[in-house]
Amino acid sequence: MDLRGLAEGAALADKSNFAATARAFAELRERHLTWENSTVLPLVEARLGAEELPTIGRHMAARRGMDYPEP
């Protein structure tokens, strides 16, 4: 609720708790991205063909409402 409250202009009820929670979230996200980039992406690249990767990229971009950068 802290982020929603901040977005609506409210003050934080407990700044130190918010900071600790935000820091923990950022660290978790960083660990996940590191694992994904070091483990998952190399497996995907090894298993999928060069034609499949852009197709998957286009689908992922479309789900997020983004344009896929074409070469």
N, C-alpha and C. Protein backbone atom coordinates (compact mmCIF):
# COMPACT_ATOMS: atom_id res chain seq x y z
N MET A 1 0.81 -1.20 0.00
CA MET A 1 0.00 0.00 0.00
C MET A 1 0.85 1.26 0.00
N ASP A 2 2.09 1.19 0.45
CA ASP A 2 2.93 2.39 0.50
C ASP A 2 3.11 3.03 -0.87
N LEU A 3 3.37 2.24 -1.90
CA LEU A 3 3.56 2.82 -3.23
C LEU A 3 2.27 3.46 -3.74
N ARG A 4 1.17 2.80 -3.51
CA ARG A 4 -0.11 3.37 -3.95
C ARG A 4 -0.36 4.68 -3.21
N GLY A 5 -0.12 4.69 -1.92
CA GLY A 5 -0.30 5.91 -1.14
C GLY A 5 0.60 7.04 -1.62
N LEU A 6 1.87 6.71 -1.90
CA LEU A 6 2.79 7.73 -2.42
C LEU A 6 2.29 8.29 -3.75
N ALA A 7 1.81 7.40 -4.62
CA ALA A 7 1.31 7.84 -5.92
C ALA A 7 0.11 8.76 -5.77
N GLU A 8 -0.63 8.58 -4.68
CA GLU A 8 -1.81 9.41 -4.43
C GLU A 8 -1.48 10.63 -3.58
N GLY A 9 -0.18 10.81 -3.26
CA GLY A 9 0.24 12.00 -2.53
C GLY A 9 0.29 11.86 -1.02
N ALA A 10 0.07 10.66 -0.50
CA ALA A 10 0.10 10.46 0.95
C ALA A 10 1.55 10.34 1.45
N ALA A 11 1.74 10.60 2.71
CA ALA A 11 3.05 10.43 3.33
C ALA A 11 3.22 8.97 3.74
N LEU A 12 4.47 8.54 3.84
CA LEU A 12 4.75 7.18 4.29
C LEU A 12 4.49 7.06 5.79
N ALA A 13 3.87 5.96 6.17
CA ALA A 13 3.61 5.71 7.59
C ALA A 13 4.90 5.33 8.31
N ASP A 14 5.76 4.56 7.63
CA ASP A 14 7.00 4.09 8.24
C ASP A 14 8.10 4.12 7.19
N LYS A 15 8.86 5.20 7.16
CA LYS A 15 9.88 5.39 6.12
C LYS A 15 10.96 4.32 6.16
N SER A 16 11.40 3.92 7.35
CA SER A 16 12.47 2.94 7.42
C SER A 16 11.99 1.57 6.94
N ASN A 17 10.75 1.21 7.23
CA ASN A 17 10.21 -0.06 6.74
C ASN A 17 10.07 -0.01 5.22
N PHE A 18 9.59 1.10 4.70
CA PHE A 18 9.46 1.23 3.25
C PHE A 18 10.82 1.11 2.58
N ALA A 19 11.83 1.78 3.13
CA ALA A 19 13.17 1.72 2.55
C ALA A 19 13.72 0.30 2.58
N ALA A 20 13.54 -0.41 3.68
CA ALA A 20 14.03 -1.79 3.79
C ALA A 20 13.31 -2.70 2.80
N THR A 21 12.01 -2.52 2.66
CA THR A 21 11.24 -3.33 1.73
C THR A 21 11.64 -3.03 0.29
N ALA A 22 11.82 -1.78 -0.05
CA ALA A 22 12.25 -1.40 -1.40
C ALA A 22 13.63 -1.94 -1.71
N ARG A 23 14.53 -1.88 -0.74
CA ARG A 23 15.89 -2.40 -0.92
C ARG A 23 15.85 -3.92 -1.14
N ALA A 24 15.06 -4.63 -0.34
CA ALA A 24 14.94 -6.08 -0.49
C ALA A 24 14.36 -6.45 -1.85
N PHE A 25 13.35 -5.69 -2.30
CA PHE A 25 12.77 -5.95 -3.61
C PHE A 25 13.80 -5.74 -4.71
N ALA A 26 14.56 -4.66 -4.62
CA ALA A 26 15.57 -4.36 -5.64
C ALA A 26 16.64 -5.45 -5.69
N GLU A 27 17.06 -5.92 -4.53
CA GLU A 27 18.07 -6.98 -4.48
C GLU A 27 17.53 -8.29 -5.06
N LEU A 28 16.29 -8.61 -4.75
CA LEU A 28 15.67 -9.81 -5.30
C LEU A 28 15.55 -9.72 -6.81
N ARG A 29 15.12 -8.58 -7.28
CA ARG A 29 14.99 -8.37 -8.73
C ARG A 29 16.34 -8.47 -9.43
N GLU A 30 17.36 -7.90 -8.82
CA GLU A 30 18.70 -7.97 -9.41
C GLU A 30 19.20 -9.41 -9.47
N ARG A 31 19.00 -10.18 -8.39
CA ARG A 31 19.41 -11.60 -8.40
C ARG A 31 18.67 -12.37 -9.48
N HIS A 32 17.38 -12.10 -9.63
CA HIS A 32 16.60 -12.79 -10.64
C HIS A 32 17.11 -12.47 -12.04
N LEU A 33 17.35 -11.20 -12.32
CA LEU A 33 17.85 -10.81 -13.65
C LEU A 33 19.22 -11.40 -13.93
N THR A 34 20.07 -11.43 -12.92
CA THR A 34 21.41 -12.03 -13.08
C THR A 34 21.28 -13.50 -13.44
N TRP A 35 20.43 -14.22 -12.72
CA TRP A 35 20.21 -15.65 -13.01
C TRP A 35 19.63 -15.84 -14.40
N GLU A 36 18.63 -15.03 -14.73
CA GLU A 36 17.99 -15.15 -16.04
C GLU A 36 19.00 -14.92 -17.16
N ASN A 37 19.83 -13.88 -17.03
CA ASN A 37 20.80 -13.56 -18.07
C ASN A 37 21.94 -14.57 -18.15
N SER A 38 22.33 -15.14 -17.02
CA SER A 38 23.46 -16.07 -17.02
C SER A 38 23.06 -17.52 -17.28
N THR A 39 21.82 -17.88 -16.98
CA THR A 39 21.39 -19.27 -17.10
C THR A 39 20.31 -19.47 -18.15
N VAL A 40 19.24 -18.74 -18.06
CA VAL A 40 18.10 -18.97 -18.94
C VAL A 40 18.39 -18.53 -20.38
N LEU A 41 18.88 -17.32 -20.55
CA LEU A 41 19.09 -16.83 -21.93
C LEU A 41 20.08 -17.69 -22.71
N PRO A 42 21.21 -18.12 -22.14
CA PRO A 42 22.09 -19.01 -22.90
C PRO A 42 21.40 -20.33 -23.30
N LEU A 43 20.56 -20.87 -22.43
CA LEU A 43 19.82 -22.09 -22.78
C LEU A 43 18.85 -21.84 -23.92
N VAL A 44 18.14 -20.72 -23.85
CA VAL A 44 17.20 -20.37 -24.92
C VAL A 44 17.94 -20.21 -26.25
N GLU A 45 19.03 -19.49 -26.23
CA GLU A 45 19.80 -19.28 -27.46
C GLU A 45 20.34 -20.58 -28.03
N ALA A 46 20.72 -21.52 -27.14
CA ALA A 46 21.26 -22.80 -27.59
C ALA A 46 20.17 -23.71 -28.16
N ARG A 47 18.95 -23.58 -27.66
CA ARG A 47 17.88 -24.50 -28.04
C ARG A 47 17.02 -23.99 -29.21
N LEU A 48 16.91 -22.69 -29.36
CA LEU A 48 16.04 -22.14 -30.40
C LEU A 48 16.85 -21.68 -31.60
N GLY A 49 16.23 -21.74 -32.74
CA GLY A 49 16.88 -21.29 -33.96
C GLY A 49 16.84 -19.78 -34.10
N ALA A 50 17.66 -19.27 -35.00
CA ALA A 50 17.76 -17.83 -35.21
C ALA A 50 16.43 -17.23 -35.66
N GLU A 51 15.59 -18.01 -36.33
CA GLU A 51 14.30 -17.50 -36.79
C GLU A 51 13.28 -17.46 -35.66
N GLU A 52 13.42 -18.33 -34.67
CA GLU A 52 12.45 -18.40 -33.58
C GLU A 52 12.60 -17.26 -32.58
N LEU A 53 13.81 -16.81 -32.34
CA LEU A 53 14.03 -15.77 -31.33
C LEU A 53 13.30 -14.47 -31.64
N PRO A 54 13.40 -13.93 -32.88
CA PRO A 54 12.64 -12.70 -33.17
C PRO A 54 11.13 -12.90 -33.07
N THR A 55 10.64 -14.08 -33.42
CA THR A 55 9.21 -14.36 -33.31
C THR A 55 8.77 -14.29 -31.85
N ILE A 56 9.55 -14.92 -30.97
CA ILE A 56 9.25 -14.86 -29.54
C ILE A 56 9.35 -13.42 -29.04
N GLY A 57 10.35 -12.70 -29.50
CA GLY A 57 10.52 -11.31 -29.11
C GLY A 57 9.33 -10.45 -29.51
N ARG A 58 8.82 -10.67 -30.71
CA ARG A 58 7.65 -9.92 -31.17
C ARG A 58 6.43 -10.22 -30.30
N HIS A 59 6.24 -11.50 -29.96
CA HIS A 59 5.11 -11.87 -29.11
C HIS A 59 5.24 -11.25 -27.71
N MET A 60 6.44 -11.27 -27.16
CA MET A 60 6.67 -10.69 -25.83
C MET A 60 6.41 -9.18 -25.86
N ALA A 61 6.89 -8.52 -26.91
CA ALA A 61 6.68 -7.07 -27.03
C ALA A 61 5.19 -6.75 -27.17
N ALA A 62 4.49 -7.55 -27.98
CA ALA A 62 3.06 -7.30 -28.19
C ALA A 62 2.28 -7.46 -26.89
N ARG A 63 2.63 -8.46 -26.07
CA ARG A 63 1.94 -8.64 -24.78
C ARG A 63 2.14 -7.45 -23.86
N ARG A 64 3.26 -6.76 -24.04
CA ARG A 64 3.55 -5.59 -23.19
C ARG A 64 3.14 -4.28 -23.85
N GLY A 65 2.53 -4.37 -25.03
CA GLY A 65 2.09 -3.17 -25.73
C GLY A 65 3.25 -2.36 -26.28
N MET A 66 4.35 -3.04 -26.62
CA MET A 66 5.55 -2.37 -27.12
C MET A 66 5.80 -2.74 -28.57
N ASP A 67 6.58 -1.90 -29.24
CA ASP A 67 7.02 -2.21 -30.60
C ASP A 67 8.28 -3.06 -30.52
N TYR A 68 8.40 -4.02 -31.41
CA TYR A 68 9.60 -4.84 -31.48
C TYR A 68 10.57 -4.17 -32.44
N PRO A 69 11.80 -3.93 -32.04
CA PRO A 69 12.75 -3.26 -32.94
C PRO A 69 13.18 -4.17 -34.09
N GLU A 70 12.75 -3.85 -35.26
CA GLU A 70 13.12 -4.64 -36.46
C GLU A 70 14.50 -4.17 -36.94
N PRO A 71 15.27 -5.11 -37.46
CA PRO A 71 16.63 -4.74 -37.97
C PRO A 71 16.58 -3.81 -39.14
